[in-house]
Protein backbone atom coordinates (compact mmCIF):
# COMPACT_ATOMS: atom_id res chain seq x y z
CA UNK A 1 -4.43 29.35 6.67
CA UNK A 2 -2.83 27.99 3.51
CA UNK A 3 -3.67 24.40 2.58
CA UNK A 4 -1.38 22.22 0.50
CA UNK A 5 -3.32 20.95 -2.54
CA UNK A 6 -1.37 17.67 -2.58
CA UNK A 7 -2.18 16.98 1.06
CA UNK A 8 -5.82 17.84 0.36
CA UNK A 9 -5.89 15.41 -2.59
CA UNK A 10 -4.38 12.61 -0.49
CA UNK A 11 -6.98 13.20 2.22
CA UNK A 12 -9.82 13.07 -0.30
CA UNK A 13 -8.50 9.80 -1.77
CA UNK A 14 -8.16 8.36 1.73
CA UNK A 15 -11.78 9.29 2.51
CA UNK A 16 -13.03 7.71 -0.72
CA UNK A 17 -10.99 4.54 -0.18
CA UNK A 18 -12.11 4.24 3.43
CA UNK A 19 -15.77 4.70 2.49
CA UNK A 20 -15.50 2.12 -0.30
CA UNK A 21 -14.37 -0.49 2.24
CA UNK A 22 -16.75 0.64 5.00
CA UNK A 23 -13.84 2.10 6.99
CA UNK A 24 -12.40 -1.41 7.53
CA UNK A 25 -8.59 -1.26 7.40
CA UNK A 26 -8.39 -5.06 7.14
CA UNK A 27 -10.55 -5.02 4.02
CA UNK A 28 -8.39 -2.27 2.50
CA UNK A 29 -5.22 -4.31 3.02
CA UNK A 30 -6.86 -7.47 1.74
CA UNK A 31 -7.68 -5.59 -1.47
CA UNK A 32 -4.06 -4.42 -1.69
CA UNK A 33 -2.85 -8.00 -1.26
CA UNK A 34 -5.15 -9.16 -4.08
CA UNK A 35 -3.90 -6.39 -6.37
CA UNK A 36 -0.31 -7.22 -5.43
CA UNK A 37 -0.85 -10.89 -6.35
CA UNK A 38 -2.58 -9.95 -9.61
CA UNK A 39 0.14 -7.53 -10.73
CA UNK A 40 3.09 -9.57 -9.48
CA UNK A 41 4.73 -6.49 -8.01
CA UNK A 42 5.12 -5.38 -4.42
CA UNK A 43 2.59 -2.76 -3.42
CA UNK A 44 3.31 -3.10 0.29
CA UNK A 45 5.69 -4.81 2.69
CA UNK A 46 4.74 -6.71 5.81
CA UNK A 47 8.03 -6.12 7.59
CA UNK A 48 10.84 -3.60 7.45
CA UNK A 49 13.33 -4.62 4.79
CA UNK A 50 16.47 -6.06 6.41
CA UNK A 51 18.65 -4.41 3.77
CA UNK A 52 17.67 -0.87 4.74
CA UNK A 53 20.65 1.16 5.83
CA UNK A 54 20.16 1.67 9.57
CA UNK A 55 21.81 5.12 9.40
CA UNK A 56 18.99 6.26 7.12
CA UNK A 57 16.46 5.16 9.71
CA UNK A 58 18.36 6.89 12.48
CA UNK A 59 18.31 10.16 10.51
CA UNK A 60 14.52 10.02 10.30
CA UNK A 61 14.12 10.37 14.05
CA UNK A 62 12.52 13.77 14.55
CA UNK A 63 13.33 13.68 18.28
CA UNK A 64 17.06 14.01 17.58
CA UNK A 65 18.09 17.50 18.63
CA UNK A 66 19.38 19.83 15.93
CA UNK A 67 23.16 20.36 16.26
CA UNK A 68 22.66 24.15 16.46
CA UNK A 69 20.34 23.95 19.47
């Protein structure tokens, strides 16, 4: 089976990051918050942006049947 090298790289980074923080998701996000404060730019959002076009979100629903089906 063919494996996507980008997906493989993301998985490896995730494993390394998880191990660095002892597999504690709260510690990972705390580190992100510290980096966000230090850089002054948004690295993550706590809530869905209210300005997001709702039609874009609706189009992301994979359960919507394809028109040709």
